[in-house]
N, C-alpha and C. Protein backbone atom coordinates (compact mmCIF):
# COMPACT_ATOMS: atom_id res chain seq x y z
N MET A 1 0.84 -1.17 0.00
CA MET A 1 0.00 0.00 0.00
C MET A 1 0.89 1.24 0.00
N LEU A 2 0.42 2.26 -0.66
CA LEU A 2 1.13 3.54 -0.70
C LEU A 2 0.16 4.62 -0.25
N PHE A 3 0.63 5.43 0.71
CA PHE A 3 -0.19 6.50 1.26
C PHE A 3 0.44 7.84 0.97
N LYS A 4 -0.40 8.84 0.76
CA LYS A 4 0.04 10.22 0.54
C LYS A 4 -0.44 11.07 1.71
N ASN A 5 0.48 11.88 2.24
CA ASN A 5 0.11 12.81 3.30
C ASN A 5 -0.56 14.02 2.65
N THR A 6 -1.83 14.22 2.94
CA THR A 6 -2.59 15.32 2.34
C THR A 6 -2.54 16.58 3.19
N GLY A 7 -1.92 16.50 4.35
CA GLY A 7 -1.92 17.63 5.28
C GLY A 7 -3.05 17.52 6.28
N ALA A 8 -4.11 16.82 5.89
CA ALA A 8 -5.25 16.60 6.78
C ALA A 8 -5.36 15.14 7.17
N GLY A 9 -4.43 14.34 6.73
CA GLY A 9 -4.45 12.90 6.99
C GLY A 9 -3.76 12.17 5.86
N PHE A 10 -3.89 10.86 5.85
CA PHE A 10 -3.25 10.04 4.83
C PHE A 10 -4.30 9.45 3.91
N LYS A 11 -4.00 9.47 2.61
CA LYS A 11 -4.91 8.93 1.59
C LYS A 11 -4.21 7.77 0.90
N ASN A 12 -4.92 6.65 0.76
CA ASN A 12 -4.38 5.49 0.06
C ASN A 12 -4.38 5.78 -1.44
N ILE A 13 -3.19 5.88 -2.05
CA ILE A 13 -3.08 6.15 -3.48
C ILE A 13 -2.51 4.95 -4.24
N SER A 14 -2.61 3.76 -3.65
CA SER A 14 -2.08 2.54 -4.28
C SER A 14 -2.68 2.31 -5.66
N GLY A 15 -3.97 2.53 -5.81
CA GLY A 15 -4.65 2.26 -7.07
C GLY A 15 -4.19 3.10 -8.23
N GLU A 16 -3.60 4.26 -7.96
CA GLU A 16 -3.16 5.15 -9.04
C GLU A 16 -1.64 5.25 -9.13
N SER A 17 -0.93 4.31 -8.49
CA SER A 17 0.53 4.43 -8.38
C SER A 17 1.31 3.37 -9.14
N GLY A 18 0.70 2.75 -10.10
CA GLY A 18 1.42 1.82 -10.96
C GLY A 18 1.25 0.36 -10.58
N PRO A 19 1.73 -0.53 -11.46
CA PRO A 19 1.47 -1.96 -11.31
C PRO A 19 2.10 -2.59 -10.06
N VAL A 20 3.20 -2.08 -9.57
CA VAL A 20 3.82 -2.69 -8.40
C VAL A 20 2.92 -2.61 -7.18
N PHE A 21 2.05 -1.61 -7.13
CA PHE A 21 1.15 -1.46 -6.00
C PHE A 21 -0.20 -2.14 -6.24
N GLN A 22 -0.32 -2.85 -7.36
CA GLN A 22 -1.57 -3.55 -7.67
C GLN A 22 -1.54 -5.01 -7.21
N ARG A 23 -0.35 -5.52 -6.92
CA ARG A 23 -0.26 -6.93 -6.51
C ARG A 23 0.05 -7.03 -5.02
N GLN A 24 -0.41 -8.12 -4.44
CA GLN A 24 -0.16 -8.33 -3.02
C GLN A 24 1.21 -8.96 -2.84
N MET A 25 1.93 -8.51 -1.82
CA MET A 25 3.24 -9.05 -1.47
C MET A 25 3.31 -9.19 0.04
N ALA A 26 4.07 -10.18 0.49
CA ALA A 26 4.32 -10.33 1.92
C ALA A 26 5.65 -9.63 2.20
N SER A 27 5.60 -8.33 2.33
CA SER A 27 6.80 -7.51 2.52
C SER A 27 7.11 -7.38 4.00
N ARG A 28 8.41 -7.39 4.32
CA ARG A 28 8.81 -7.35 5.72
C ARG A 28 9.79 -6.23 6.07
N GLY A 29 10.56 -5.76 5.13
CA GLY A 29 11.55 -4.74 5.44
C GLY A 29 11.66 -3.74 4.32
N LEU A 30 12.14 -2.54 4.65
CA LEU A 30 12.27 -1.49 3.67
C LEU A 30 13.55 -0.71 3.97
N ALA A 31 14.33 -0.46 2.95
CA ALA A 31 15.55 0.33 3.12
C ALA A 31 15.54 1.46 2.09
N LEU A 32 15.90 2.66 2.56
CA LEU A 32 16.00 3.83 1.70
C LEU A 32 17.46 4.09 1.40
N GLY A 33 17.76 4.38 0.15
CA GLY A 33 19.14 4.69 -0.22
C GLY A 33 19.24 5.03 -1.69
N ASP A 34 20.32 5.67 -2.05
CA ASP A 34 20.57 6.06 -3.43
C ASP A 34 21.39 4.96 -4.08
N PHE A 35 20.71 3.96 -4.63
CA PHE A 35 21.39 2.78 -5.16
C PHE A 35 22.22 3.06 -6.40
N ASP A 36 21.86 4.08 -7.17
CA ASP A 36 22.60 4.38 -8.39
C ASP A 36 23.36 5.71 -8.32
N ASN A 37 23.48 6.27 -7.12
CA ASN A 37 24.29 7.48 -6.87
C ASN A 37 23.92 8.67 -7.75
N ASP A 38 22.62 8.83 -8.01
CA ASP A 38 22.17 9.96 -8.83
C ASP A 38 21.49 11.06 -8.02
N GLY A 39 21.50 10.91 -6.68
CA GLY A 39 20.90 11.92 -5.81
C GLY A 39 19.42 11.73 -5.57
N ALA A 40 18.80 10.77 -6.23
CA ALA A 40 17.38 10.47 -6.02
C ALA A 40 17.29 9.23 -5.14
N VAL A 41 16.67 9.36 -3.98
CA VAL A 41 16.62 8.26 -3.01
C VAL A 41 15.65 7.18 -3.51
N ASP A 42 16.15 5.95 -3.58
CA ASP A 42 15.39 4.80 -4.04
C ASP A 42 14.88 3.99 -2.85
N VAL A 43 14.02 3.02 -3.12
CA VAL A 43 13.42 2.19 -2.06
C VAL A 43 13.67 0.72 -2.40
N LEU A 44 14.17 -0.03 -1.42
CA LEU A 44 14.36 -1.48 -1.57
C LEU A 44 13.46 -2.17 -0.55
N ILE A 45 12.61 -3.07 -1.03
CA ILE A 45 11.65 -3.77 -0.17
C ILE A 45 12.01 -5.25 -0.15
N SER A 46 12.13 -5.81 1.04
CA SER A 46 12.37 -7.26 1.15
C SER A 46 11.02 -7.96 1.30
N ASN A 47 10.88 -9.08 0.57
CA ASN A 47 9.63 -9.83 0.53
C ASN A 47 9.87 -11.27 0.93
N ASN A 48 8.89 -11.86 1.60
CA ASN A 48 8.99 -13.29 1.95
C ASN A 48 8.93 -14.15 0.70
N ASN A 49 9.86 -15.09 0.58
CA ASN A 49 9.88 -16.08 -0.51
C ASN A 49 9.92 -15.46 -1.90
N GLU A 50 10.43 -14.25 -2.01
CA GLU A 50 10.58 -13.57 -3.30
C GLU A 50 11.87 -12.77 -3.27
N PRO A 51 12.38 -12.44 -4.44
CA PRO A 51 13.54 -11.54 -4.46
C PRO A 51 13.15 -10.16 -3.95
N PRO A 52 14.12 -9.37 -3.50
CA PRO A 52 13.79 -8.01 -3.09
C PRO A 52 13.30 -7.19 -4.28
N LEU A 53 12.55 -6.17 -3.99
CA LEU A 53 11.98 -5.30 -5.02
C LEU A 53 12.62 -3.92 -4.90
N LEU A 54 13.25 -3.46 -5.98
CA LEU A 54 13.86 -2.14 -6.00
C LEU A 54 12.96 -1.17 -6.75
N LEU A 55 12.54 -0.12 -6.04
CA LEU A 55 11.75 0.93 -6.67
C LEU A 55 12.69 2.10 -6.93
N ARG A 56 13.06 2.26 -8.18
CA ARG A 56 14.02 3.32 -8.55
C ARG A 56 13.31 4.65 -8.69
N ASN A 57 13.90 5.65 -8.08
CA ASN A 57 13.40 7.01 -8.18
C ASN A 57 14.03 7.62 -9.43
N THR A 58 13.21 7.92 -10.41
CA THR A 58 13.72 8.45 -11.68
C THR A 58 13.44 9.95 -11.82
N THR A 59 13.09 10.59 -10.72
CA THR A 59 12.85 12.03 -10.73
C THR A 59 14.13 12.76 -11.10
N ARG A 60 14.02 13.73 -11.98
CA ARG A 60 15.19 14.51 -12.40
C ARG A 60 14.84 15.99 -12.39
N GLY A 61 15.86 16.83 -12.45
CA GLY A 61 15.64 18.26 -12.61
C GLY A 61 15.95 19.09 -11.39
N ASN A 62 16.12 18.48 -10.23
CA ASN A 62 16.45 19.25 -9.03
C ASN A 62 17.89 18.98 -8.63
N HIS A 63 18.48 19.94 -7.93
CA HIS A 63 19.87 19.80 -7.48
C HIS A 63 19.91 19.27 -6.06
N TRP A 64 21.07 18.76 -5.67
CA TRP A 64 21.21 18.08 -4.40
C TRP A 64 22.68 18.03 -4.00
N LEU A 65 22.92 17.68 -2.74
CA LEU A 65 24.26 17.37 -2.25
C LEU A 65 24.13 16.15 -1.35
N GLY A 66 24.94 15.14 -1.62
CA GLY A 66 24.97 13.95 -0.78
C GLY A 66 26.12 14.08 0.22
N VAL A 67 25.83 13.76 1.48
CA VAL A 67 26.81 13.96 2.55
C VAL A 67 26.97 12.68 3.36
N LYS A 68 28.23 12.27 3.50
CA LYS A 68 28.58 11.20 4.43
C LYS A 68 29.34 11.85 5.57
N LEU A 69 28.85 11.67 6.80
CA LEU A 69 29.51 12.23 7.97
C LEU A 69 30.34 11.17 8.67
N VAL A 70 31.55 11.56 9.10
CA VAL A 70 32.43 10.65 9.84
C VAL A 70 32.85 11.36 11.11
N GLY A 71 32.46 10.80 12.25
CA GLY A 71 32.82 11.39 13.53
C GLY A 71 34.19 10.95 14.01
N ASN A 72 34.84 11.82 14.75
CA ASN A 72 36.11 11.50 15.42
C ASN A 72 35.87 11.38 16.92
N LYS A 73 35.59 12.52 17.56
CA LYS A 73 35.26 12.51 18.98
C LYS A 73 33.82 12.05 19.18
N ALA A 74 32.93 12.49 18.31
CA ALA A 74 31.55 11.98 18.30
C ALA A 74 31.59 10.54 17.77
N ASN A 75 30.47 9.84 17.83
CA ASN A 75 30.43 8.47 17.30
C ASN A 75 30.77 8.48 15.81
N VAL A 76 31.40 7.42 15.36
CA VAL A 76 31.95 7.38 13.99
C VAL A 76 30.87 7.55 12.92
N ASP A 77 29.64 7.09 13.18
CA ASP A 77 28.57 7.22 12.21
C ASP A 77 27.83 8.55 12.31
N ALA A 78 28.22 9.38 13.28
CA ALA A 78 27.64 10.72 13.49
C ALA A 78 26.14 10.68 13.76
N ILE A 79 25.65 9.58 14.34
CA ILE A 79 24.24 9.49 14.69
C ILE A 79 23.92 10.60 15.70
N GLY A 80 22.91 11.39 15.41
CA GLY A 80 22.54 12.51 16.26
C GLY A 80 23.06 13.84 15.78
N ALA A 81 23.91 13.83 14.75
CA ALA A 81 24.41 15.10 14.20
C ALA A 81 23.25 15.87 13.57
N ARG A 82 23.33 17.17 13.67
CA ARG A 82 22.31 18.04 13.08
C ARG A 82 22.94 18.82 11.93
N ILE A 83 22.38 18.68 10.73
CA ILE A 83 22.86 19.42 9.57
C ILE A 83 21.84 20.50 9.23
N SER A 84 22.31 21.74 9.12
CA SER A 84 21.49 22.86 8.66
C SER A 84 22.18 23.42 7.42
N TYR A 85 21.38 23.88 6.47
CA TYR A 85 21.98 24.45 5.26
C TYR A 85 21.06 25.47 4.63
N GLN A 86 21.68 26.34 3.83
CA GLN A 86 20.92 27.36 3.11
C GLN A 86 21.39 27.41 1.67
N ALA A 87 20.42 27.48 0.77
CA ALA A 87 20.67 27.65 -0.66
C ALA A 87 19.69 28.71 -1.15
N GLY A 88 20.17 29.94 -1.30
CA GLY A 88 19.28 31.04 -1.66
C GLY A 88 18.26 31.27 -0.56
N ASP A 89 16.97 31.26 -0.92
CA ASP A 89 15.93 31.47 0.09
C ASP A 89 15.46 30.18 0.75
N LEU A 90 16.08 29.06 0.40
CA LEU A 90 15.74 27.76 0.97
C LEU A 90 16.61 27.48 2.19
N LYS A 91 16.00 27.24 3.33
CA LYS A 91 16.71 26.86 4.55
C LYS A 91 16.13 25.55 5.04
N ARG A 92 17.00 24.61 5.35
CA ARG A 92 16.56 23.30 5.83
C ARG A 92 17.50 22.81 6.92
N SER A 93 17.01 21.84 7.71
CA SER A 93 17.86 21.15 8.67
C SER A 93 17.38 19.72 8.81
N ARG A 94 18.31 18.85 9.11
CA ARG A 94 18.04 17.41 9.24
C ARG A 94 18.89 16.86 10.37
N THR A 95 18.41 15.80 11.00
CA THR A 95 19.16 15.09 12.02
C THR A 95 19.56 13.72 11.48
N LYS A 96 20.80 13.35 11.67
CA LYS A 96 21.30 12.04 11.22
C LYS A 96 20.79 10.97 12.16
N VAL A 97 20.08 10.01 11.62
CA VAL A 97 19.53 8.92 12.42
C VAL A 97 20.19 7.61 12.02
N GLY A 98 20.10 6.63 12.88
CA GLY A 98 20.64 5.31 12.60
C GLY A 98 19.52 4.30 12.49
N GLY A 99 19.86 3.09 12.13
CA GLY A 99 18.87 2.03 12.06
C GLY A 99 18.13 2.02 10.75
N GLY A 100 16.95 1.42 10.80
CA GLY A 100 16.16 1.29 9.59
C GLY A 100 14.87 0.58 9.88
N SER A 101 14.51 -0.31 9.01
CA SER A 101 13.28 -1.06 9.12
C SER A 101 13.62 -2.50 9.54
N TYR A 102 12.64 -3.35 9.62
CA TYR A 102 12.84 -4.74 10.03
C TYR A 102 13.86 -5.42 9.13
N LEU A 103 14.92 -5.93 9.71
CA LEU A 103 16.00 -6.62 9.00
C LEU A 103 16.57 -5.77 7.85
N SER A 104 16.57 -4.47 8.02
CA SER A 104 17.03 -3.56 6.97
C SER A 104 17.84 -2.42 7.59
N SER A 105 18.66 -1.81 6.78
CA SER A 105 19.40 -0.63 7.22
C SER A 105 19.44 0.35 6.06
N HIS A 106 19.16 1.62 6.36
CA HIS A 106 19.15 2.65 5.34
C HIS A 106 20.58 3.04 4.94
N ASP A 107 20.71 3.65 3.80
CA ASP A 107 21.96 4.24 3.33
C ASP A 107 22.42 5.24 4.40
N PRO A 108 23.67 5.15 4.86
CA PRO A 108 24.12 6.08 5.90
C PRO A 108 24.36 7.50 5.39
N ARG A 109 24.38 7.68 4.09
CA ARG A 109 24.57 9.02 3.52
C ARG A 109 23.25 9.79 3.56
N MET A 110 23.36 11.09 3.63
CA MET A 110 22.18 11.96 3.62
C MET A 110 22.15 12.71 2.29
N VAL A 111 20.99 12.78 1.67
CA VAL A 111 20.82 13.55 0.44
C VAL A 111 20.07 14.82 0.81
N LEU A 112 20.72 15.95 0.58
CA LEU A 112 20.15 17.25 0.90
C LEU A 112 19.64 17.89 -0.39
N GLY A 113 18.35 18.04 -0.50
CA GLY A 113 17.76 18.62 -1.70
C GLY A 113 17.82 20.13 -1.68
N ILE A 114 18.12 20.71 -2.84
CA ILE A 114 18.13 22.18 -2.93
C ILE A 114 17.25 22.67 -4.09
N GLY A 115 16.46 21.80 -4.68
CA GLY A 115 15.53 22.21 -5.73
C GLY A 115 16.23 22.80 -6.94
N LYS A 116 15.75 23.93 -7.40
CA LYS A 116 16.31 24.59 -8.59
C LYS A 116 17.53 25.45 -8.27
N GLN A 117 17.86 25.63 -6.98
CA GLN A 117 19.03 26.42 -6.60
C GLN A 117 20.30 25.78 -7.19
N THR A 118 21.26 26.59 -7.54
CA THR A 118 22.49 26.07 -8.16
C THR A 118 23.71 26.22 -7.27
N LYS A 119 23.47 26.59 -6.01
CA LYS A 119 24.58 26.80 -5.09
C LYS A 119 24.08 26.63 -3.67
N ILE A 120 24.90 26.01 -2.82
CA ILE A 120 24.63 25.95 -1.39
C ILE A 120 25.46 27.06 -0.75
N ASP A 121 24.79 27.99 -0.08
CA ASP A 121 25.49 29.12 0.53
C ASP A 121 26.37 28.67 1.69
N TRP A 122 25.80 27.83 2.56
CA TRP A 122 26.55 27.31 3.69
C TRP A 122 25.88 26.04 4.21
N LEU A 123 26.68 25.25 4.90
CA LEU A 123 26.20 24.04 5.55
C LEU A 123 26.85 24.01 6.93
N GLU A 124 26.03 23.78 7.96
CA GLU A 124 26.56 23.73 9.32
C GLU A 124 26.20 22.40 9.95
N ILE A 125 27.18 21.78 10.59
CA ILE A 125 26.98 20.51 11.28
C ILE A 125 27.20 20.75 12.76
N THR A 126 26.24 20.34 13.57
CA THR A 126 26.44 20.28 15.01
C THR A 126 26.63 18.81 15.34
N TRP A 127 27.86 18.45 15.66
CA TRP A 127 28.22 17.06 15.92
C TRP A 127 27.65 16.64 17.27
N PRO A 128 27.28 15.36 17.40
CA PRO A 128 26.71 14.90 18.68
C PRO A 128 27.76 14.87 19.79
N GLN A 129 27.27 14.78 21.02
CA GLN A 129 28.16 14.68 22.17
C GLN A 129 28.92 13.35 22.12
N PRO A 130 30.10 13.25 22.65
CA PRO A 130 30.69 14.21 23.57
C PRO A 130 31.38 15.37 22.88
N SER A 131 31.33 15.44 21.57
CA SER A 131 32.00 16.51 20.85
C SER A 131 31.23 17.83 20.97
N GLY A 132 30.05 17.89 20.37
CA GLY A 132 29.26 19.12 20.36
C GLY A 132 29.82 20.20 19.44
N LEU A 133 30.87 19.86 18.69
CA LEU A 133 31.52 20.81 17.78
C LEU A 133 30.53 21.33 16.75
N LYS A 134 30.58 22.64 16.46
CA LYS A 134 29.83 23.23 15.35
C LYS A 134 30.81 23.49 14.23
N GLN A 135 30.50 23.00 13.07
CA GLN A 135 31.39 23.11 11.92
C GLN A 135 30.60 23.71 10.77
N ARG A 136 31.11 24.78 10.17
CA ARG A 136 30.41 25.46 9.07
C ARG A 136 31.28 25.40 7.83
N LEU A 137 30.68 24.99 6.71
CA LEU A 137 31.40 24.87 5.45
C LEU A 137 30.72 25.69 4.37
N THR A 138 31.53 26.25 3.47
CA THR A 138 31.04 26.99 2.31
C THR A 138 31.76 26.46 1.08
N ASP A 139 31.45 27.01 -0.07
CA ASP A 139 32.08 26.59 -1.34
C ASP A 139 31.94 25.09 -1.57
N LEU A 140 30.73 24.60 -1.38
CA LEU A 140 30.45 23.18 -1.54
C LEU A 140 29.99 22.89 -2.97
N PRO A 141 30.31 21.71 -3.48
CA PRO A 141 29.82 21.33 -4.82
C PRO A 141 28.34 20.95 -4.72
N ILE A 142 27.70 20.76 -5.85
CA ILE A 142 26.34 20.21 -5.87
C ILE A 142 26.30 19.03 -6.82
N ASP A 143 25.23 18.26 -6.71
CA ASP A 143 24.97 17.10 -7.58
C ASP A 143 26.07 16.05 -7.49
N ARG A 144 26.58 15.83 -6.29
CA ARG A 144 27.58 14.79 -6.06
C ARG A 144 27.63 14.47 -4.57
N TYR A 145 28.37 13.42 -4.24
CA TYR A 145 28.55 13.01 -2.85
C TYR A 145 29.89 13.50 -2.33
N ILE A 146 29.90 13.91 -1.05
CA ILE A 146 31.13 14.31 -0.39
C ILE A 146 31.17 13.65 0.99
N THR A 147 32.36 13.60 1.57
CA THR A 147 32.55 13.11 2.94
C THR A 147 33.06 14.26 3.79
N ILE A 148 32.43 14.44 4.94
CA ILE A 148 32.85 15.46 5.89
C ILE A 148 33.29 14.75 7.16
N VAL A 149 34.54 15.00 7.55
CA VAL A 149 35.10 14.40 8.76
C VAL A 149 35.08 15.44 9.86
N GLU A 150 34.60 15.05 11.03
CA GLU A 150 34.48 15.95 12.17
C GLU A 150 35.81 16.66 12.44
N GLY A 151 35.74 17.99 12.47
CA GLY A 151 36.91 18.80 12.82
C GLY A 151 37.83 19.13 11.67
N GLU A 152 37.66 18.48 10.51
CA GLU A 152 38.52 18.80 9.37
C GLU A 152 37.90 19.96 8.59
N PRO A 153 38.72 20.93 8.19
CA PRO A 153 38.17 22.15 7.60
C PRO A 153 37.66 21.99 6.18
N LYS A 154 37.97 20.90 5.51
CA LYS A 154 37.59 20.73 4.11
C LYS A 154 36.91 19.38 3.93
N TRP A 155 36.00 19.30 3.01
CA TRP A 155 35.32 18.04 2.65
C TRP A 155 36.19 17.24 1.69
N LYS A 156 35.87 15.97 1.55
CA LYS A 156 36.59 15.09 0.61
C LYS A 156 35.65 14.63 -0.48
């Protein structure tokens, strides 16, 4: 089943969402990740007695930055880190979470969408404790993945 958040509740849109949502499956786990490294987050569903099902996100036209965080003093996976960023009039923030769904784990990288903007003005990371370090970066690329290591002044 596929549901859409209407702002007033959830609406079942399975019937209008293509053939994959027309058949019944005994699905047990779901993992989100960019399987083809194009900046569009895909969905992998594990099913009982069937191969996994990959739902590829083929949306194009918007810009993005993929970020892998590596902690030093904070935990190595940077779980709990807070990323804030601005691209023109767009301001967003996200928290790095761990885990996933039943018998599944999400892609540890974060995809930060910036829509039609062609530049990220700044990105700030508040690393989790025991570090608590605030790190601000500028002159970032778009439409690619980078690695940011806690305390290092430049991305890789």
